[in-house]
Amino acid sequence: MTGGTVLISGPINNQNGALDFGSFKITGGLLIAAGSSGMAQSPGGGSNQNSVMVYFDAYQAEGTLFHVQSSEGNEIVTFAPKKTYSSVAFSSPKLAVNTAYDVYYGGSSSGEAKDGLYEGGKYSPGTKLASFTPNSSGTYVGSGGMGFGGGFRGGRGRR
């Protein structure tokens, strides 16, 4: 993936993943793939852009906001998946190595949503899941992932 915006909601069955590939290199653009965690995949090695694989301990209801912001409070993304989800693969040119970020779920946004992606407005925090700092080999957040998919494999917890 070299640019553009890809937003994926689903599947909800753990025997499928929001992404399904042999290899995935991302060098630009915004990717948000929310779905089940059983076969979850995210962009892997050789990518020039940072990615994070976020796992939840339980399914989040459709429309529950997924939000990433810098530790200083600068919004990176706010997205409302259209299906229940327990993992989110996320990549953005806004994610910088050696910069701390916080992941939230729930809450609300006063911004305008298009296809679930919020722009403008202000995010009112829900529940903080974790903090992370991207690294060049891939980053995992959370503890719910089963990790059978490709990309960042076998991830439980933070790296």
C-alpha atoms as a PDB file:
ATOM      1  CA  MET A   1       0.000   0.000   0.000  1.00  0.00           C
ATOM      2  CA  THR A   2       1.516   3.308  -1.068  1.00  0.00           C
ATOM      3  CA  GLY A   3      -1.228   5.803  -0.240  1.00  0.00           C
ATOM      4  CA  GLY A   4      -4.909   6.488   0.127  1.00  0.00           C
ATOM      5  CA  THR A   5      -7.307   5.374   2.852  1.00  0.00           C
ATOM      6  CA  VAL A   6      -8.455   1.808   3.534  1.00  0.00           C
ATOM      7  CA  LEU A   7     -11.163   1.284   6.183  1.00  0.00           C
ATOM      8  CA  ILE A   8     -12.275  -2.272   7.001  1.00  0.00           C
ATOM      9  CA  SER A   9     -15.029  -3.347   9.404  1.00  0.00           C
ATOM     10  CA  GLY A  10     -15.259  -7.099   9.929  1.00  0.00           C
ATOM     11  CA  PRO A  11     -15.293 -10.017   9.946  1.00  0.00           C
ATOM     12  CA  ILE A  12     -16.545 -10.950  13.395  1.00  0.00           C
ATOM     13  CA  ASN A  13     -15.762 -14.698  13.204  1.00  0.00           C
ATOM     14  CA  ASN A  14     -12.361 -15.633  14.722  1.00  0.00           C
ATOM     15  CA  GLN A  15     -11.650 -18.027  11.858  1.00  0.00           C
ATOM     16  CA  ASN A  16     -11.334 -15.048   9.511  1.00  0.00           C
ATOM     17  CA  GLY A  17      -9.347 -11.825   9.566  1.00  0.00           C
ATOM     18  CA  ALA A  18      -9.988  -8.272   8.423  1.00  0.00           C
ATOM     19  CA  LEU A  19      -6.817  -8.636   6.344  1.00  0.00           C
ATOM     20  CA  ASP A  20      -5.725 -11.858   4.628  1.00  0.00           C
ATOM     21  CA  PHE A  21      -2.408 -11.845   2.791  1.00  0.00           C
ATOM     22  CA  GLY A  22       0.923 -13.584   2.301  1.00  0.00           C
ATOM     23  CA  SER A  23       2.925 -10.377   2.777  1.00  0.00           C
ATOM     24  CA  PHE A  24       1.922  -6.743   3.145  1.00  0.00           C
ATOM     25  CA  LYS A  25       4.302  -3.814   2.783  1.00  0.00           C
ATOM     26  CA  ILE A  26       2.950  -0.342   3.568  1.00  0.00           C
ATOM     27  CA  THR A  27       4.818   2.799   2.572  1.00  0.00           C
ATOM     28  CA  GLY A  28       2.016   5.354   2.814  1.00  0.00           C
ATOM     29  CA  GLY A  29      -1.640   5.996   3.464  1.00  0.00           C
ATOM     30  CA  LEU A  30      -4.080   5.294   6.271  1.00  0.00           C
ATOM     31  CA  LEU A  31      -5.055   1.710   7.076  1.00  0.00           C
ATOM     32  CA  ILE A  32      -7.618   0.725   9.703  1.00  0.00           C
ATOM     33  CA  ALA A  33      -8.705  -2.921   9.690  1.00  0.00           C
ATOM     34  CA  ALA A  34     -11.078  -3.754  12.572  1.00  0.00           C
ATOM     35  CA  GLY A  35     -12.351  -7.296  13.022  1.00  0.00           C
ATOM     36  CA  SER A  36     -11.917 -10.539  14.900  1.00  0.00           C
ATOM     37  CA  SER A  37      -8.611 -11.335  16.582  1.00  0.00           C
ATOM     38  CA  GLY A  38      -8.268 -15.047  15.830  1.00  0.00           C
ATOM     39  CA  MET A  39      -6.647 -14.620  12.412  1.00  0.00           C
ATOM     40  CA  ALA A  40      -5.733 -10.930  12.684  1.00  0.00           C
ATOM     41  CA  GLN A  41      -2.909  -9.656  10.485  1.00  0.00           C
ATOM     42  CA  SER A  42      -1.212  -6.307  10.067  1.00  0.00           C
ATOM     43  CA  PRO A  43       1.487  -4.981   7.724  1.00  0.00           C
ATOM     44  CA  GLY A  44       4.806  -6.661   8.317  1.00  0.00           C
ATOM     45  CA  GLY A  45       8.518  -6.383   7.808  1.00  0.00           C
ATOM     46  CA  GLY A  46       9.906  -4.266   5.026  1.00  0.00           C
ATOM     47  CA  SER A  47       7.278  -1.581   5.559  1.00  0.00           C
ATOM     48  CA  ASN A  48       8.514   2.000   5.614  1.00  0.00           C
ATOM     49  CA  GLN A  49       5.526   3.141   7.657  1.00  0.00           C
ATOM     50  CA  ASN A  50       4.841   2.204  11.282  1.00  0.00           C
ATOM     51  CA  SER A  51       1.929  -0.057  12.132  1.00  0.00           C
ATOM     52  CA  VAL A  52       0.347  -1.267  15.340  1.00  0.00           C
ATOM     53  CA  MET A  53      -1.795  -4.336  16.026  1.00  0.00           C
ATOM     54  CA  VAL A  54      -4.280  -3.671  18.823  1.00  0.00           C
ATOM     55  CA  TYR A  55      -6.007  -6.549  20.631  1.00  0.00           C
ATOM     56  CA  PHE A  56      -8.967  -6.278  22.998  1.00  0.00           C
ATOM     57  CA  ASP A  57      -9.838  -8.805  25.732  1.00  0.00           C
ATOM     58  CA  ALA A  58     -13.485  -8.778  24.596  1.00  0.00           C
ATOM     59  CA  TYR A  59     -15.447  -7.811  21.508  1.00  0.00           C
ATOM     60  CA  GLN A  60     -16.326  -4.134  21.249  1.00  0.00           C
ATOM     61  CA  ALA A  61     -19.813  -3.292  20.001  1.00  0.00           C
ATOM     62  CA  GLU A  62     -20.244  -1.918  16.502  1.00  0.00           C
ATOM     63  CA  GLY A  63     -19.840   1.840  16.545  1.00  0.00           C
ATOM     64  CA  THR A  64     -17.578   1.806  19.623  1.00  0.00           C
ATOM     65  CA  LEU A  65     -14.887   4.358  18.867  1.00  0.00           C
ATOM     66  CA  PHE A  66     -11.271   3.304  18.373  1.00  0.00           C
ATOM     67  CA  HIS A  67      -9.002   6.263  19.105  1.00  0.00           C
ATOM     68  CA  VAL A  68      -5.239   6.828  19.002  1.00  0.00           C
ATOM     69  CA  GLN A  69      -3.583  10.008  20.207  1.00  0.00           C
ATOM     70  CA  SER A  70      -0.056  11.106  21.047  1.00  0.00           C
ATOM     71  CA  SER A  71       0.839  11.155  24.736  1.00  0.00           C
ATOM     72  CA  GLU A  72       0.531  14.953  24.478  1.00  0.00           C
ATOM     73  CA  GLY A  73      -3.119  14.575  23.412  1.00  0.00           C
ATOM     74  CA  ASN A  74      -2.787  15.188  19.655  1.00  0.00           C
ATOM     75  CA  GLU A  75      -5.347  13.105  17.762  1.00  0.00           C
ATOM     76  CA  ILE A  76      -3.973  10.557  15.317  1.00  0.00           C
ATOM     77  CA  VAL A  77      -7.227   8.771  14.431  1.00  0.00           C
ATOM     78  CA  THR A  78     -10.802   8.240  15.610  1.00  0.00           C
ATOM     79  CA  PHE A  79     -12.778   5.484  13.911  1.00  0.00           C
ATOM     80  CA  ALA A  80     -16.138   3.807  14.559  1.00  0.00           C
ATOM     81  CA  PRO A  81     -16.161   0.292  13.009  1.00  0.00           C
ATOM     82  CA  LYS A  82     -19.490  -0.775  11.526  1.00  0.00           C
ATOM     83  CA  LYS A  83     -19.246  -4.285  13.040  1.00  0.00           C
ATOM     84  CA  THR A  84     -18.215  -5.697  16.399  1.00  0.00           C
ATOM     85  CA  TYR A  85     -14.433  -6.052  16.707  1.00  0.00           C
ATOM     86  CA  SER A  86     -11.724  -7.468  18.962  1.00  0.00           C
ATOM     87  CA  SER A  87      -8.639  -6.323  17.043  1.00  0.00           C
ATOM     88  CA  VAL A  88      -7.564  -3.354  14.957  1.00  0.00           C
ATOM     89  CA  ALA A  89      -4.607  -3.224  12.575  1.00  0.00           C
ATOM     90  CA  PHE A  90      -3.663   0.429  12.237  1.00  0.00           C
ATOM     91  CA  SER A  91      -1.050   2.224  10.154  1.00  0.00           C
ATOM     92  CA  SER A  92      -0.633   5.923   9.513  1.00  0.00           C
ATOM     93  CA  PRO A  93       2.130   8.248   8.347  1.00  0.00           C
ATOM     94  CA  LYS A  94       1.422  10.128  11.612  1.00  0.00           C
ATOM     95  CA  LEU A  95       2.899   7.269  13.713  1.00  0.00           C
ATOM     96  CA  ALA A  96       6.529   8.118  14.495  1.00  0.00           C
ATOM     97  CA  VAL A  97       9.188   5.819  15.967  1.00  0.00           C
ATOM     98  CA  ASN A  98      10.204   6.714  19.534  1.00  0.00           C
ATOM     99  CA  THR A  99       7.016   8.718  20.128  1.00  0.00           C
ATOM    100  CA  ALA A 100       4.518   7.587  22.769  1.00  0.00           C
ATOM    101  CA  TYR A 101       0.843   7.068  21.902  1.00  0.00           C
ATOM    102  CA  ASP A 102      -2.298   6.117  23.829  1.00  0.00           C
ATOM    103  CA  VAL A 103      -5.088   3.834  22.596  1.00  0.00           C
ATOM    104  CA  TYR A 104      -8.666   4.408  23.765  1.00  0.00           C
ATOM    105  CA  TYR A 105     -11.997   2.776  23.010  1.00  0.00           C
ATOM    106  CA  GLY A 106     -15.468   4.136  23.579  1.00  0.00           C
ATOM    107  CA  GLY A 107     -16.028   7.776  24.359  1.00  0.00           C
ATOM    108  CA  SER A 108     -17.410  10.218  21.821  1.00  0.00           C
ATOM    109  CA  SER A 109     -16.314  12.671  19.175  1.00  0.00           C
ATOM    110  CA  SER A 110     -17.800  16.004  18.162  1.00  0.00           C
ATOM    111  CA  GLY A 111     -16.207  15.626  14.730  1.00  0.00           C
ATOM    112  CA  GLU A 112     -17.915  14.685  11.494  1.00  0.00           C
ATOM    113  CA  ALA A 113     -17.841  11.000  10.549  1.00  0.00           C
ATOM    114  CA  LYS A 114     -17.536   9.736   7.002  1.00  0.00           C
ATOM    115  CA  ASP A 115     -17.554   5.947   6.636  1.00  0.00           C
ATOM    116  CA  GLY A 116     -16.815   5.772  10.366  1.00  0.00           C
ATOM    117  CA  LEU A 117     -13.679   7.939  10.177  1.00  0.00           C
ATOM    118  CA  TYR A 118     -13.972  11.135  12.243  1.00  0.00           C
ATOM    119  CA  GLU A 119     -12.454  14.430  11.169  1.00  0.00           C
ATOM    120  CA  GLY A 120     -12.290  17.642  13.154  1.00  0.00           C
ATOM    121  CA  GLY A 121     -14.034  18.078  16.457  1.00  0.00           C
ATOM    122  CA  LYS A 122     -12.822  16.899  19.827  1.00  0.00           C
ATOM    123  CA  TYR A 123     -12.560  13.389  21.249  1.00  0.00           C
ATOM    124  CA  SER A 124     -13.987  12.865  24.733  1.00  0.00           C
ATOM    125  CA  PRO A 125     -12.092   9.903  26.197  1.00  0.00           C
ATOM    126  CA  GLY A 126     -13.608   6.555  26.837  1.00  0.00           C
ATOM    127  CA  THR A 127     -11.440   3.801  28.333  1.00  0.00           C
ATOM    128  CA  LYS A 128      -7.677   3.863  27.917  1.00  0.00           C
ATOM    129  CA  LEU A 129      -6.513   0.443  26.727  1.00  0.00           C
ATOM    130  CA  ALA A 130      -2.744   0.983  26.715  1.00  0.00           C
ATOM    131  CA  SER A 131       0.181   3.160  25.721  1.00  0.00           C
ATOM    132  CA  PHE A 132       2.711   2.167  23.074  1.00  0.00           C
ATOM    133  CA  THR A 133       5.773   3.409  21.246  1.00  0.00           C
ATOM    134  CA  PRO A 134       6.106   2.149  17.648  1.00  0.00           C
ATOM    135  CA  ASN A 135       9.256   0.335  16.660  1.00  0.00           C
ATOM    136  CA  SER A 136      10.505  -0.656  13.242  1.00  0.00           C
ATOM    137  CA  SER A 137       9.725  -4.368  13.712  1.00  0.00           C
ATOM    138  CA  GLY A 138       6.040  -3.908  14.529  1.00  0.00           C
ATOM    139  CA  THR A 139       4.130  -3.122  17.677  1.00  0.00           C
ATOM    140  CA  TYR A 140       1.434  -5.026  19.576  1.00  0.00           C
ATOM    141  CA  VAL A 141      -0.978  -3.505  22.073  1.00  0.00           C
ATOM    142  CA  GLY A 142      -3.407  -5.356  24.338  1.00  0.00           C
ATOM    143  CA  SER A 143      -3.700  -8.975  25.334  1.00  0.00           C
ATOM    144  CA  GLY A 144      -6.632 -10.558  23.533  1.00  0.00           C
ATOM    145  CA  GLY A 145      -4.981 -11.694  20.292  1.00  0.00           C
ATOM    146  CA  MET A 146      -4.639 -15.339  19.390  1.00  0.00           C
ATOM    147  CA  GLY A 147      -2.021 -14.476  16.791  1.00  0.00           C
ATOM    148  CA  PHE A 148      -2.499 -17.152  14.120  1.00  0.00           C
ATOM    149  CA  GLY A 149      -2.393 -14.649  11.244  1.00  0.00           C
ATOM    150  CA  GLY A 150       0.573 -13.234   9.369  1.00  0.00           C
ATOM    151  CA  GLY A 151       2.238  -9.879   9.606  1.00  0.00           C
ATOM    152  CA  PHE A 152       2.975  -9.396  13.303  1.00  0.00           C
ATOM    153  CA  ARG A 153       2.487 -12.998  14.408  1.00  0.00           C
ATOM    154  CA  GLY A 154       1.748 -14.389  17.796  1.00  0.00           C
ATOM    155  CA  GLY A 155       1.508 -11.056  19.539  1.00  0.00           C
ATOM    156  CA  ARG A 156       0.076 -10.854  23.013  1.00  0.00           C
ATOM    157  CA  GLY A 157       0.887  -7.803  25.020  1.00  0.00           C
ATOM    158  CA  ARG A 158       3.154  -4.899  24.156  1.00  0.00           C
ATOM    159  CA  ARG A 159       6.485  -4.994  22.407  1.00  0.00           C
END
